[in-house]
Amino acid sequence: MVGYEHLVFPFPNTQSIITSNAEEVIPQLAVKYLLLDFGGRAAADKEAERRSIAANAAFTAAHQLVIFNVARAYFMVDGVDAAVRAARQALADAQVVQRSAEALHHRGLATVVSVNRQRTS
């Protein structure tokens, strides 16, 4: 314990006094012993255990969400990549058919059908 004390000492048979300011440090030791807790310690242990289980469940749920989002993004990219490959192949096939039709037309073995498109302004 730490304290501050102001002391006043009167001289006997005189009107004079002496004052003193003192700081004190008094070491102390305190012991607390629990004799009966009426289940408080066991309840605190169970609460800590349940909070730990809840924290682990939340941690696992966060990991599952991250894994789900990564997997979904991966398969979306894979699906878009497949759609791009299919579109490129369809374009290549259409170009082959166009070249074949033009070759037949130049030989006089095919006719060309033109489509009139009206433009709107």
PDB file of N, CA and C in Angstrom:
ATOM      1  N   MET A   1       0.843  -1.164   0.000  1.00  0.00           N
ATOM      2  CA  MET A   1       0.000   0.000   0.000  1.00  0.00           C
ATOM      3  C   MET A   1       0.894   1.234   0.000  1.00  0.00           C
ATOM      4  N   VAL A   2       0.493   2.229  -0.751  1.00  0.00           N
ATOM      5  CA  VAL A   2       1.251   3.471  -0.849  1.00  0.00           C
ATOM      6  C   VAL A   2       0.369   4.586  -0.315  1.00  0.00           C
ATOM      7  N   GLY A   3       0.994   5.507   0.501  1.00  0.00           N
ATOM      8  CA  GLY A   3       0.201   6.583   1.056  1.00  0.00           C
ATOM      9  C   GLY A   3       1.008   7.852   1.222  1.00  0.00           C
ATOM     10  N   TYR A   4       0.294   8.927   1.472  1.00  0.00           N
ATOM     11  CA  TYR A   4       0.891  10.245   1.691  1.00  0.00           C
ATOM     12  C   TYR A   4       0.300  10.759   2.992  1.00  0.00           C
ATOM     13  N   GLU A   5       1.154  11.294   3.843  1.00  0.00           N
ATOM     14  CA  GLU A   5       0.692  11.743   5.151  1.00  0.00           C
ATOM     15  C   GLU A   5       1.261  13.127   5.465  1.00  0.00           C
ATOM     16  N   HIS A   6       0.416  13.999   5.987  1.00  0.00           N
ATOM     17  CA  HIS A   6       0.819  15.345   6.412  1.00  0.00           C
ATOM     18  C   HIS A   6       0.773  15.349   7.938  1.00  0.00           C
ATOM     19  N   LEU A   7       1.919  15.571   8.585  1.00  0.00           N
ATOM     20  CA  LEU A   7       2.027  15.524  10.049  1.00  0.00           C
ATOM     21  C   LEU A   7       2.259  16.921  10.606  1.00  0.00           C
ATOM     22  N   VAL A   8       1.636  17.198  11.763  1.00  0.00           N
ATOM     23  CA  VAL A   8       1.812  18.477  12.468  1.00  0.00           C
ATOM     24  C   VAL A   8       2.221  18.134  13.908  1.00  0.00           C
ATOM     25  N   PHE A   9       3.397  18.668  14.354  1.00  0.00           N
ATOM     26  CA  PHE A   9       3.904  18.424  15.703  1.00  0.00           C
ATOM     27  C   PHE A   9       3.959  19.756  16.462  1.00  0.00           C
ATOM     28  N   PRO A  10       3.137  19.936  17.500  1.00  0.00           N
ATOM     29  CA  PRO A  10       3.247  21.161  18.310  1.00  0.00           C
ATOM     30  C   PRO A  10       4.348  20.992  19.366  1.00  0.00           C
ATOM     31  N   PHE A  11       5.070  22.075  19.620  1.00  0.00           N
ATOM     32  CA  PHE A  11       6.059  22.073  20.708  1.00  0.00           C
ATOM     33  C   PHE A  11       5.330  22.293  22.028  1.00  0.00           C
ATOM     34  N   PRO A  12       5.720  21.528  23.050  1.00  0.00           N
ATOM     35  CA  PRO A  12       5.035  21.743  24.335  1.00  0.00           C
ATOM     36  C   PRO A  12       5.368  23.121  24.920  1.00  0.00           C
ATOM     37  N   ASN A  13       4.432  23.764  25.529  1.00  0.00           N
ATOM     38  CA  ASN A  13       4.535  25.049  26.211  1.00  0.00           C
ATOM     39  C   ASN A  13       4.930  26.186  25.263  1.00  0.00           C
ATOM     40  N   THR A  14       4.712  26.045  23.955  1.00  0.00           N
ATOM     41  CA  THR A  14       5.001  27.122  23.002  1.00  0.00           C
ATOM     42  C   THR A  14       3.883  27.171  21.973  1.00  0.00           C
ATOM     43  N   GLN A  15       3.937  28.214  21.198  1.00  0.00           N
ATOM     44  CA  GLN A  15       2.969  28.358  20.119  1.00  0.00           C
ATOM     45  C   GLN A  15       3.526  27.829  18.803  1.00  0.00           C
ATOM     46  N   SER A  16       4.710  27.254  18.787  1.00  0.00           N
ATOM     47  CA  SER A  16       5.363  26.802  17.552  1.00  0.00           C
ATOM     48  C   SER A  16       4.910  25.381  17.188  1.00  0.00           C
ATOM     49  N   ILE A  17       4.926  25.153  15.884  1.00  0.00           N
ATOM     50  CA  ILE A  17       4.611  23.800  15.379  1.00  0.00           C
ATOM     51  C   ILE A  17       5.617  23.420  14.302  1.00  0.00           C
ATOM     52  N   ILE A  18       5.767  22.150  14.129  1.00  0.00           N
ATOM     53  CA  ILE A  18       6.607  21.613  13.048  1.00  0.00           C
ATOM     54  C   ILE A  18       5.693  20.759  12.165  1.00  0.00           C
ATOM     55  N   THR A  19       5.787  20.994  10.846  1.00  0.00           N
ATOM     56  CA  THR A  19       4.994  20.177   9.904  1.00  0.00           C
ATOM     57  C   THR A  19       5.929  19.285   9.111  1.00  0.00           C
ATOM     58  N   SER A  20       5.379  18.172   8.714  1.00  0.00           N
ATOM     59  CA  SER A  20       6.164  17.214   7.934  1.00  0.00           C
ATOM     60  C   SER A  20       5.231  16.514   6.942  1.00  0.00           C
ATOM     61  N   ASN A  21       5.754  16.328   5.740  1.00  0.00           N
ATOM     62  CA  ASN A  21       5.030  15.553   4.723  1.00  0.00           C
ATOM     63  C   ASN A  21       5.773  14.231   4.536  1.00  0.00           C
ATOM     64  N   ALA A  22       5.071  13.136   4.639  1.00  0.00           N
ATOM     65  CA  ALA A  22       5.726  11.826   4.547  1.00  0.00           C
ATOM     66  C   ALA A  22       5.010  10.961   3.510  1.00  0.00           C
ATOM     67  N   GLU A  23       5.797  10.250   2.749  1.00  0.00           N
ATOM     68  CA  GLU A  23       5.269   9.252   1.818  1.00  0.00           C
ATOM     69  C   GLU A  23       5.597   7.890   2.393  1.00  0.00           C
ATOM     70  N   GLU A  24       4.655   6.997   2.343  1.00  0.00           N
ATOM     71  CA  GLU A  24       4.837   5.691   2.943  1.00  0.00           C
ATOM     72  C   GLU A  24       4.573   4.588   1.928  1.00  0.00           C
ATOM     73  N   VAL A  25       5.352   3.552   2.018  1.00  0.00           N
ATOM     74  CA  VAL A  25       5.108   2.335   1.237  1.00  0.00           C
ATOM     75  C   VAL A  25       5.037   1.197   2.242  1.00  0.00           C
ATOM     76  N   ILE A  26       3.888   0.579   2.307  1.00  0.00           N
ATOM     77  CA  ILE A  26       3.689  -0.510   3.255  1.00  0.00           C
ATOM     78  C   ILE A  26       3.396  -1.776   2.448  1.00  0.00           C
ATOM     79  N   PRO A  27       4.313  -2.731   2.418  1.00  0.00           N
ATOM     80  CA  PRO A  27       4.060  -3.965   1.665  1.00  0.00           C
ATOM     81  C   PRO A  27       2.936  -4.763   2.327  1.00  0.00           C
ATOM     82  N   GLN A  28       2.077  -5.338   1.479  1.00  0.00           N
ATOM     83  CA  GLN A  28       0.965  -6.134   1.969  1.00  0.00           C
ATOM     84  C   GLN A  28       0.853  -7.407   1.153  1.00  0.00           C
ATOM     85  N   LEU A  29       0.306  -8.395   1.732  1.00  0.00           N
ATOM     86  CA  LEU A  29       0.039  -9.660   1.063  1.00  0.00           C
ATOM     87  C   LEU A  29      -1.405 -10.021   1.342  1.00  0.00           C
ATOM     88  N   ALA A  30      -2.157 -10.297   0.288  1.00  0.00           N
ATOM     89  CA  ALA A  30      -3.556 -10.665   0.448  1.00  0.00           C
ATOM     90  C   ALA A  30      -3.758 -12.071  -0.092  1.00  0.00           C
ATOM     91  N   VAL A  31      -4.497 -12.864   0.636  1.00  0.00           N
ATOM     92  CA  VAL A  31      -4.815 -14.231   0.221  1.00  0.00           C
ATOM     93  C   VAL A  31      -6.326 -14.347   0.168  1.00  0.00           C
ATOM     94  N   LYS A  32      -6.795 -14.842  -0.967  1.00  0.00           N
ATOM     95  CA  LYS A  32      -8.227 -15.038  -1.136  1.00  0.00           C
ATOM     96  C   LYS A  32      -8.472 -16.529  -1.284  1.00  0.00           C
ATOM     97  N   TYR A  33      -9.314 -17.075  -0.457  1.00  0.00           N
ATOM     98  CA  TYR A  33      -9.593 -18.504  -0.504  1.00  0.00           C
ATOM     99  C   TYR A  33     -11.092 -18.679  -0.667  1.00  0.00           C
ATOM    100  N   LEU A  34     -11.449 -19.493  -1.628  1.00  0.00           N
ATOM    101  CA  LEU A  34     -12.853 -19.742  -1.898  1.00  0.00           C
ATOM    102  C   LEU A  34     -13.241 -21.050  -1.222  1.00  0.00           C
ATOM    103  N   LEU A  35     -14.113 -20.952  -0.276  1.00  0.00           N
ATOM    104  CA  LEU A  35     -14.538 -22.139   0.448  1.00  0.00           C
ATOM    105  C   LEU A  35     -15.729 -22.800  -0.239  1.00  0.00           C
ATOM    106  N   LEU A  36     -16.739 -22.023  -0.569  1.00  0.00           N
ATOM    107  CA  LEU A  36     -17.920 -22.537  -1.256  1.00  0.00           C
ATOM    108  C   LEU A  36     -18.206 -21.636  -2.459  1.00  0.00           C
ATOM    109  N   ASP A  37     -18.328 -22.231  -3.636  1.00  0.00           N
ATOM    110  CA  ASP A  37     -18.635 -21.412  -4.812  1.00  0.00           C
ATOM    111  C   ASP A  37     -20.005 -21.744  -5.399  1.00  0.00           C
ATOM    112  N   PHE A  38     -20.703 -22.711  -4.838  1.00  0.00           N
ATOM    113  CA  PHE A  38     -22.049 -23.081  -5.259  1.00  0.00           C
ATOM    114  C   PHE A  38     -22.135 -23.346  -6.763  1.00  0.00           C
ATOM    115  N   GLY A  39     -21.127 -23.996  -7.339  1.00  0.00           N
ATOM    116  CA  GLY A  39     -21.136 -24.377  -8.748  1.00  0.00           C
ATOM    117  C   GLY A  39     -20.669 -23.296  -9.694  1.00  0.00           C
ATOM    118  N   GLY A  40     -20.191 -22.179  -9.189  1.00  0.00           N
ATOM    119  CA  GLY A  40     -19.766 -21.070 -10.051  1.00  0.00           C
ATOM    120  C   GLY A  40     -18.580 -21.426 -10.926  1.00  0.00           C
ATOM    121  N   ARG A  41     -17.612 -22.132 -10.352  1.00  0.00           N
ATOM    122  CA  ARG A  41     -16.423 -22.495 -11.119  1.00  0.00           C
ATOM    123  C   ARG A  41     -16.776 -23.502 -12.218  1.00  0.00           C
ATOM    124  N   ALA A  42     -17.610 -24.488 -11.897  1.00  0.00           N
ATOM    125  CA  ALA A  42     -18.025 -25.476 -12.903  1.00  0.00           C
ATOM    126  C   ALA A  42     -18.833 -24.808 -14.014  1.00  0.00           C
ATOM    127  N   ALA A  43     -19.683 -23.855 -13.643  1.00  0.00           N
ATOM    128  CA  ALA A  43     -20.473 -23.134 -14.650  1.00  0.00           C
ATOM    129  C   ALA A  43     -19.569 -22.306 -15.554  1.00  0.00           C
ATOM    130  N   ALA A  44     -18.548 -21.682 -14.967  1.00  0.00           N
ATOM    131  CA  ALA A  44     -17.604 -20.902 -15.779  1.00  0.00           C
ATOM    132  C   ALA A  44     -16.834 -21.811 -16.730  1.00  0.00           C
ATOM    133  N   ASP A  45     -16.463 -23.008 -16.266  1.00  0.00           N
ATOM    134  CA  ASP A  45     -15.775 -23.969 -17.139  1.00  0.00           C
ATOM    135  C   ASP A  45     -16.669 -24.400 -18.297  1.00  0.00           C
ATOM    136  N   LYS A  46     -17.931 -24.704 -17.991  1.00  0.00           N
ATOM    137  CA  LYS A  46     -18.861 -25.120 -19.055  1.00  0.00           C
ATOM    138  C   LYS A  46     -19.103 -23.985 -20.049  1.00  0.00           C
ATOM    139  N   GLU A  47     -19.216 -22.759 -19.526  1.00  0.00           N
ATOM    140  CA  GLU A  47     -19.415 -21.612 -20.419  1.00  0.00           C
ATOM    141  C   GLU A  47     -18.223 -21.441 -21.352  1.00  0.00           C
ATOM    142  N   ALA A  48     -17.013 -21.554 -20.802  1.00  0.00           N
ATOM    143  CA  ALA A  48     -15.814 -21.429 -21.631  1.00  0.00           C
ATOM    144  C   ALA A  48     -15.763 -22.531 -22.678  1.00  0.00           C
ATOM    145  N   GLU A  49     -16.153 -23.739 -22.295  1.00  0.00           N
ATOM    146  CA  GLU A  49     -16.153 -24.860 -23.252  1.00  0.00           C
ATOM    147  C   GLU A  49     -17.164 -24.616 -24.365  1.00  0.00           C
ATOM    148  N   ARG A  50     -18.349 -24.138 -24.006  1.00  0.00           N
ATOM    149  CA  ARG A  50     -19.390 -23.887 -25.013  1.00  0.00           C
ATOM    150  C   ARG A  50     -18.993 -22.732 -25.934  1.00  0.00           C
ATOM    151  N   ARG A  51     -18.357 -21.712 -25.362  1.00  0.00           N
ATOM    152  CA  ARG A  51     -17.880 -20.596 -26.200  1.00  0.00           C
ATOM    153  C   ARG A  51     -16.795 -21.067 -27.163  1.00  0.00           C
ATOM    154  N   SER A  52     -15.961 -21.984 -26.716  1.00  0.00           N
ATOM    155  CA  SER A  52     -14.923 -22.538 -27.585  1.00  0.00           C
ATOM    156  C   SER A  52     -15.544 -23.327 -28.733  1.00  0.00           C
ATOM    157  N   ILE A  53     -16.561 -24.115 -28.431  1.00  0.00           N
ATOM    158  CA  ILE A  53     -17.258 -24.886 -29.478  1.00  0.00           C
ATOM    159  C   ILE A  53     -17.913 -23.939 -30.478  1.00  0.00           C
ATOM    160  N   ALA A  54     -18.551 -22.880 -29.978  1.00  0.00           N
ATOM    161  CA  ALA A  54     -19.196 -21.915 -30.880  1.00  0.00           C
ATOM    162  C   ALA A  54     -18.167 -21.201 -31.750  1.00  0.00           C
ATOM    163  N   ALA A  55     -17.028 -20.845 -31.170  1.00  0.00           N
ATOM    164  CA  ALA A  55     -15.977 -20.185 -31.955  1.00  0.00           C
ATOM    165  C   ALA A  55     -15.423 -21.126 -33.022  1.00  0.00           C
ATOM    166  N   ASN A  56     -15.245 -22.396 -32.684  1.00  0.00           N
ATOM    167  CA  ASN A  56     -14.769 -23.371 -33.673  1.00  0.00           C
ATOM    168  C   ASN A  56     -15.775 -23.553 -34.800  1.00  0.00           C
ATOM    169  N   ALA A  57     -17.080 -23.563 -34.455  1.00  0.00           N
ATOM    170  CA  ALA A  57     -18.108 -23.696 -35.488  1.00  0.00           C
ATOM    171  C   ALA A  57     -18.097 -22.483 -36.420  1.00  0.00           C
ATOM    172  N   ALA A  58     -17.965 -21.297 -35.860  1.00  0.00           N
ATOM    173  CA  ALA A  58     -17.916 -20.089 -36.695  1.00  0.00           C
ATOM    174  C   ALA A  58     -16.674 -20.094 -37.577  1.00  0.00           C
ATOM    175  N   PHE A  59     -15.558 -20.541 -37.026  1.00  0.00           N
ATOM    176  CA  PHE A  59     -14.303 -20.627 -37.785  1.00  0.00           C
ATOM    177  C   PHE A  59     -14.451 -21.611 -38.949  1.00  0.00           C
ATOM    178  N   THR A  60     -15.054 -22.769 -38.669  1.00  0.00           N
ATOM    179  CA  THR A  60     -15.267 -23.771 -39.713  1.00  0.00           C
ATOM    180  C   THR A  60     -16.227 -23.248 -40.783  1.00  0.00           C
ATOM    181  N   ALA A  61     -17.274 -22.557 -40.365  1.00  0.00           N
ATOM    182  CA  ALA A  61     -18.229 -22.005 -41.334  1.00  0.00           C
ATOM    183  C   ALA A  61     -17.558 -20.983 -42.241  1.00  0.00           C
ATOM    184  N   ALA A  62     -16.682 -20.168 -41.682  1.00  0.00           N
ATOM    185  CA  ALA A  62     -15.966 -19.185 -42.505  1.00  0.00           C
ATOM    186  C   ALA A  62     -15.072 -19.890 -43.526  1.00  0.00           C
ATOM    187  N   HIS A  63     -14.393 -20.949 -43.103  1.00  0.00           N
ATOM    188  CA  HIS A  63     -13.561 -21.700 -44.045  1.00  0.00           C
ATOM    189  C   HIS A  63     -14.402 -22.353 -45.138  1.00  0.00           C
ATOM    190  N   GLN A  64     -15.543 -22.923 -44.762  1.00  0.00           N
ATOM    191  CA  GLN A  64     -16.414 -23.541 -45.758  1.00  0.00           C
ATOM    192  C   GLN A  64     -16.906 -22.515 -46.764  1.00  0.00           C
ATOM    193  N   LEU A  65     -17.220 -21.311 -46.306  1.00  0.00           N
ATOM    194  CA  LEU A  65     -17.676 -20.262 -47.219  1.00  0.00           C
ATOM    195  C   LEU A  65     -16.569 -19.867 -48.193  1.00  0.00           C
ATOM    196  N   VAL A  66     -15.344 -19.743 -47.697  1.00  0.00           N
ATOM    197  CA  VAL A  66     -14.216 -19.411 -48.573  1.00  0.00           C
ATOM    198  C   VAL A  66     -14.010 -20.509 -49.618  1.00  0.00           C
ATOM    199  N   ILE A  67     -14.032 -21.762 -49.174  1.00  0.00           N
ATOM    200  CA  ILE A  67     -13.835 -22.885 -50.105  1.00  0.00           C
ATOM    201  C   ILE A  67     -14.957 -22.913 -51.140  1.00  0.00           C
ATOM    202  N   PHE A  68     -16.203 -22.692 -50.714  1.00  0.00           N
ATOM    203  CA  PHE A  68     -17.331 -22.666 -51.644  1.00  0.00           C
ATOM    204  C   PHE A  68     -17.157 -21.567 -52.682  1.00  0.00           C
ATOM    205  N   ASN A  69     -16.790 -20.360 -52.243  1.00  0.00           N
ATOM    206  CA  ASN A  69     -16.625 -19.245 -53.178  1.00  0.00           C
ATOM    207  C   ASN A  69     -15.495 -19.494 -54.163  1.00  0.00           C
ATOM    208  N   VAL A  70     -14.395 -20.086 -53.701  1.00  0.00           N
ATOM    209  CA  VAL A  70     -13.281 -20.396 -54.607  1.00  0.00           C
ATOM    210  C   VAL A  70     -13.708 -21.442 -55.625  1.00  0.00           C
ATOM    211  N   ALA A  71     -14.390 -22.500 -55.164  1.00  0.00           N
ATOM    212  CA  ALA A  71     -14.830 -23.554 -56.081  1.00  0.00           C
ATOM    213  C   ALA A  71     -15.830 -23.007 -57.103  1.00  0.00           C
ATOM    214  N   ARG A  72     -16.770 -22.176 -56.636  1.00  0.00           N
ATOM    215  CA  ARG A  72     -17.759 -21.599 -57.557  1.00  0.00           C
ATOM    216  C   ARG A  72     -17.072 -20.724 -58.605  1.00  0.00           C
ATOM    217  N   ALA A  73     -16.130 -19.903 -58.175  1.00  0.00           N
ATOM    218  CA  ALA A  73     -15.416 -19.047 -59.128  1.00  0.00           C
ATOM    219  C   ALA A  73     -14.626 -19.884 -60.128  1.00  0.00           C
ATOM    220  N   TYR A  74     -13.993 -20.960 -59.646  1.00  0.00           N
ATOM    221  CA  TYR A  74     -13.217 -21.831 -60.540  1.00  0.00           C
ATOM    222  C   TYR A  74     -14.122 -22.431 -61.612  1.00  0.00           C
ATOM    223  N   PHE A  75     -15.268 -22.984 -61.196  1.00  0.00           N
ATOM    224  CA  PHE A  75     -16.155 -23.623 -62.172  1.00  0.00           C
ATOM    225  C   PHE A  75     -16.816 -22.607 -63.087  1.00  0.00           C
ATOM    226  N   MET A  76     -17.060 -21.388 -62.592  1.00  0.00           N
ATOM    227  CA  MET A  76     -17.600 -20.350 -63.480  1.00  0.00           C
ATOM    228  C   MET A  76     -16.579 -19.989 -64.553  1.00  0.00           C
ATOM    229  N   VAL A  77     -15.314 -19.858 -64.160  1.00  0.00           N
ATOM    230  CA  VAL A  77     -14.260 -19.552 -65.130  1.00  0.00           C
ATOM    231  C   VAL A  77     -14.137 -20.696 -66.129  1.00  0.00           C
ATOM    232  N   ASP A  78     -14.200 -21.924 -65.620  1.00  0.00           N
ATOM    233  CA  ASP A  78     -14.106 -23.086 -66.503  1.00  0.00           C
ATOM    234  C   ASP A  78     -15.278 -23.116 -67.484  1.00  0.00           C
ATOM    235  N   GLY A  79     -16.490 -22.796 -67.006  1.00  0.00           N
ATOM    236  CA  GLY A  79     -17.656 -22.772 -67.892  1.00  0.00           C
ATOM    237  C   GLY A  79     -17.564 -21.677 -68.936  1.00  0.00           C
ATOM    238  N   VAL A  80     -17.114 -20.501 -68.542  1.00  0.00           N
ATOM    239  CA  VAL A  80     -16.960 -19.404 -69.502  1.00  0.00           C
ATOM    240  C   VAL A  80     -15.887 -19.746 -70.522  1.00  0.00           C
ATOM    241  N   ASP A  81     -14.817 -20.376 -70.064  1.00  0.00           N
ATOM    242  CA  ASP A  81     -13.757 -20.791 -70.986  1.00  0.00           C
ATOM    243  C   ASP A  81     -14.285 -21.800 -72.000  1.00  0.00           C
ATOM    244  N   ALA A  82     -15.114 -22.740 -71.552  1.00  0.00           N
ATOM    245  CA  ALA A  82     -15.715 -23.716 -72.471  1.00  0.00           C
ATOM    246  C   ALA A  82     -16.638 -23.022 -73.466  1.00  0.00           C
ATOM    247  N   ALA A  83     -17.406 -22.021 -73.020  1.00  0.00           N
ATOM    248  CA  ALA A  83     -18.292 -21.281 -73.923  1.00  0.00           C
ATOM    249  C   ALA A  83     -17.484 -20.505 -74.959  1.00  0.00           C
ATOM    250  N   VAL A  84     -16.355 -19.927 -74.555  1.00  0.00           N
ATOM    251  CA  VAL A  84     -15.495 -19.207 -75.511  1.00  0.00           C
ATOM    252  C   VAL A  84     -14.918 -20.177 -76.527  1.00  0.00           C
ATOM    253  N   ARG A  85     -14.461 -21.341 -76.067  1.00  0.00           N
ATOM    254  CA  ARG A  85     -13.916 -22.345 -77.005  1.00  0.00           C
ATOM    255  C   ARG A  85     -14.984 -22.805 -77.985  1.00  0.00           C
ATOM    256  N   ALA A  86     -16.211 -23.019 -77.494  1.00  0.00           N
ATOM    257  CA  ALA A  86     -17.309 -23.443 -78.371  1.00  0.00           C
ATOM    258  C   ALA A  86     -17.641 -22.358 -79.390  1.00  0.00           C
ATOM    259  N   ALA A  87     -17.649 -21.093 -78.971  1.00  0.00           N
ATOM    260  CA  ALA A  87     -17.935 -19.998 -79.903  1.00  0.00           C
ATOM    261  C   ALA A  87     -16.845 -19.883 -80.955  1.00  0.00           C
ATOM    262  N   ARG A  88     -15.594 -20.042 -80.532  1.00  0.00           N
ATOM    263  CA  ARG A  88     -14.496 -19.996 -81.521  1.00  0.00           C
ATOM    264  C   ARG A  88     -14.599 -21.146 -82.513  1.00  0.00           C
ATOM    265  N   GLN A  89     -14.951 -22.335 -82.016  1.00  0.00           N
ATOM    266  CA  GLN A  89     -15.096 -23.480 -82.920  1.00  0.00           C
ATOM    267  C   GLN A  89     -16.270 -23.272 -83.858  1.00  0.00           C
ATOM    268  N   ALA A  90     -17.379 -22.706 -83.368  1.00  0.00           N
ATOM    269  CA  ALA A  90     -18.543 -22.424 -84.222  1.00  0.00           C
ATOM    270  C   ALA A  90     -18.170 -21.410 -85.295  1.00  0.00           C
ATOM    271  N   LEU A  91     -17.376 -20.392 -84.946  1.00  0.00           N
ATOM    272  CA  LEU A  91     -16.922 -19.420 -85.934  1.00  0.00           C
ATOM    273  C   LEU A  91     -16.038 -20.087 -86.987  1.00  0.00           C
ATOM    274  N   ALA A  92     -15.129 -20.940 -86.531  1.00  0.00           N
ATOM    275  CA  ALA A  92     -14.247 -21.634 -87.487  1.00  0.00           C
ATOM    276  C   ALA A  92     -15.063 -22.530 -88.410  1.00  0.00           C
ATOM    277  N   ASP A  93     -16.055 -23.238 -87.866  1.00  0.00           N
ATOM    278  CA  ASP A  93     -16.912 -24.099 -88.695  1.00  0.00           C
ATOM    279  C   ASP A  93     -17.704 -23.269 -89.704  1.00  0.00           C
ATOM    280  N   ALA A  94     -18.240 -22.123 -89.272  1.00  0.00           N
ATOM    281  CA  ALA A  94     -19.007 -21.267 -90.179  1.00  0.00           C
ATOM    282  C   ALA A  94     -18.115 -20.714 -91.284  1.00  0.00           C
ATOM    283  N   GLN A  95     -16.845 -20.399 -90.959  1.00  0.00           N
ATOM    284  CA  GLN A  95     -15.925 -19.907 -91.974  1.00  0.00           C
ATOM    285  C   GLN A  95     -15.603 -21.000 -92.996  1.00  0.00           C
ATOM    286  N   VAL A  96     -15.490 -22.243 -92.544  1.00  0.00           N
ATOM    287  CA  VAL A  96     -15.254 -23.361 -93.471  1.00  0.00           C
ATOM    288  C   VAL A  96     -16.451 -23.543 -94.392  1.00  0.00           C
ATOM    289  N   VAL A  97     -17.661 -23.473 -93.824  1.00  0.00           N
ATOM    290  CA  VAL A  97     -18.867 -23.617 -94.647  1.00  0.00           C
ATOM    291  C   VAL A  97     -18.961 -22.468 -95.639  1.00  0.00           C
ATOM    292  N   GLN A  98     -18.618 -21.236 -95.216  1.00  0.00           N
ATOM    293  CA  GLN A  98     -18.661 -20.090 -96.121  1.00  0.00           C
ATOM    294  C   GLN A  98     -17.669 -20.263 -97.265  1.00  0.00           C
ATOM    295  N   ARG A  99     -16.425 -20.686 -96.950  1.00  0.00           N
ATOM    296  CA  ARG A  99     -15.429 -20.882 -98.017  1.00  0.00           C
ATOM    297  C   ARG A  99     -15.866 -21.976 -98.975  1.00  0.00           C
ATOM    298  N   SER A 100     -16.487 -23.033 -98.437  1.00  0.00           N
ATOM    299  CA  SER A 100     -16.966 -24.125 -99.300  1.00  0.00           C
ATOM    300  C   SER A 100     -18.080 -23.632-100.230  1.00  0.00           C
ATOM    301  N   ALA A 101     -19.011 -22.832 -99.676  1.00  0.00           N
ATOM    302  CA  ALA A 101     -20.106 -22.315-100.508  1.00  0.00           C
ATOM    303  C   ALA A 101     -19.581 -21.362-101.567  1.00  0.00           C
ATOM    304  N   GLU A 102     -18.585 -20.529-101.207  1.00  0.00           N
ATOM    305  CA  GLU A 102     -18.007 -19.615-102.197  1.00  0.00           C
ATOM    306  C   GLU A 102     -17.269 -20.396-103.284  1.00  0.00           C
ATOM    307  N   ALA A 103     -16.578 -21.468-102.923  1.00  0.00           N
ATOM    308  CA  ALA A 103     -15.869 -22.276-103.920  1.00  0.00           C
ATOM    309  C   ALA A 103     -16.861 -22.931-104.871  1.00  0.00           C
ATOM    310  N   LEU A 104     -17.959 -23.456-104.342  1.00  0.00           N
ATOM    311  CA  LEU A 104     -18.989 -24.061-105.205  1.00  0.00           C
ATOM    312  C   LEU A 104     -19.627 -23.000-106.095  1.00  0.00           C
ATOM    313  N   HIS A 105     -19.836 -21.797-105.549  1.00  0.00           N
ATOM    314  CA  HIS A 105     -20.431 -20.723-106.335  1.00  0.00           C
ATOM    315  C   HIS A 105     -19.505 -20.317-107.492  1.00  0.00           C
ATOM    316  N   HIS A 106     -18.186 -20.231-107.222  1.00  0.00           N
ATOM    317  CA  HIS A 106     -17.241 -19.858-108.288  1.00  0.00           C
ATOM    318  C   HIS A 106     -17.180 -20.915-109.375  1.00  0.00           C
ATOM    319  N   ARG A 107     -17.488 -22.150-109.060  1.00  0.00           N
ATOM    320  CA  ARG A 107     -17.486 -23.222-110.072  1.00  0.00           C
ATOM    321  C   ARG A 107     -18.826 -23.322-110.787  1.00  0.00           C
ATOM    322  N   GLY A 108     -19.784 -22.536-110.311  1.00  0.00           N
ATOM    323  CA  GLY A 108     -21.097 -22.563-110.946  1.00  0.00           C
ATOM    324  C   GLY A 108     -21.965 -23.688-110.434  1.00  0.00           C
ATOM    325  N   LEU A 109     -21.627 -24.292-109.327  1.00  0.00           N
ATOM    326  CA  LEU A 109     -22.386 -25.416-108.806  1.00  0.00           C
ATOM    327  C   LEU A 109     -23.350 -25.013-107.695  1.00  0.00           C
ATOM    328  N   ALA A 110     -23.367 -23.723-107.354  1.00  0.00           N
ATOM    329  CA  ALA A 110     -24.249 -23.269-106.265  1.00  0.00           C
ATOM    330  C   ALA A 110     -24.711 -21.863-106.561  1.00  0.00           C
ATOM    331  N   THR A 111     -25.792 -21.494-105.969  1.00  0.00           N
ATOM    332  CA  THR A 111     -26.300 -20.140-106.119  1.00  0.00           C
ATOM    333  C   THR A 111     -26.170 -19.405-104.779  1.00  0.00           C
ATOM    334  N   VAL A 112     -26.180 -18.098-104.885  1.00  0.00           N
ATOM    335  CA  VAL A 112     -26.066 -17.272-103.694  1.00  0.00           C
ATOM    336  C   VAL A 112     -27.411 -16.621-103.447  1.00  0.00           C
ATOM    337  N   VAL A 113     -27.882 -16.741-102.252  1.00  0.00           N
ATOM    338  CA  VAL A 113     -29.136 -16.105-101.866  1.00  0.00           C
ATOM    339  C   VAL A 113     -28.757 -14.871-101.066  1.00  0.00           C
ATOM    340  N   SER A 114     -29.207 -13.726-101.547  1.00  0.00           N
ATOM    341  CA  SER A 114     -28.893 -12.501-100.814  1.00  0.00           C
ATOM    342  C   SER A 114     -30.117 -12.084-100.013  1.00  0.00           C
ATOM    343  N   VAL A 115     -29.848 -11.566 -98.880  1.00  0.00           N
ATOM    344  CA  VAL A 115     -30.917 -11.110 -98.008  1.00  0.00           C
ATOM    345  C   VAL A 115     -30.867  -9.601 -97.995  1.00  0.00           C
ATOM    346  N   ASN A 116     -31.987  -8.980 -98.342  1.00  0.00           N
ATOM    347  CA  ASN A 116     -32.052  -7.519 -98.310  1.00  0.00           C
ATOM    348  C   ASN A 116     -32.405  -7.076 -96.899  1.00  0.00           C
ATOM    349  N   ARG A 117     -31.541  -6.297 -96.362  1.00  0.00           N
ATOM    350  CA  ARG A 117     -31.781  -5.783 -95.020  1.00  0.00           C
ATOM    351  C   ARG A 117     -32.106  -4.299 -95.150  1.00  0.00           C
ATOM    352  N   GLN A 118     -33.192  -3.919 -94.559  1.00  0.00           N
ATOM    353  CA  GLN A 118     -33.552  -2.516 -94.589  1.00  0.00           C
ATOM    354  C   GLN A 118     -32.948  -1.835 -93.372  1.00  0.00           C
ATOM    355  N   ARG A 119     -32.330  -0.710 -93.636  1.00  0.00           N
ATOM    356  CA  ARG A 119     -31.725   0.060 -92.548  1.00  0.00           C
ATOM    357  C   ARG A 119     -32.708   1.115 -92.102  1.00  0.00           C
ATOM    358  N   THR A 120     -32.808   1.240 -90.818  1.00  0.00           N
ATOM    359  CA  THR A 120     -33.678   2.297 -90.281  1.00  0.00           C
ATOM    360  C   THR A 120     -32.769   3.377 -89.720  1.00  0.00           C
ATOM    361  N   SER A 121     -33.167   4.592 -89.982  1.00  0.00           N
ATOM    362  CA  SER A 121     -32.357   5.718 -89.522  1.00  0.00           C
ATOM    363  C   SER A 121     -32.933   6.325 -88.296  1.00  0.00           C
TER     364      SER A 121
END
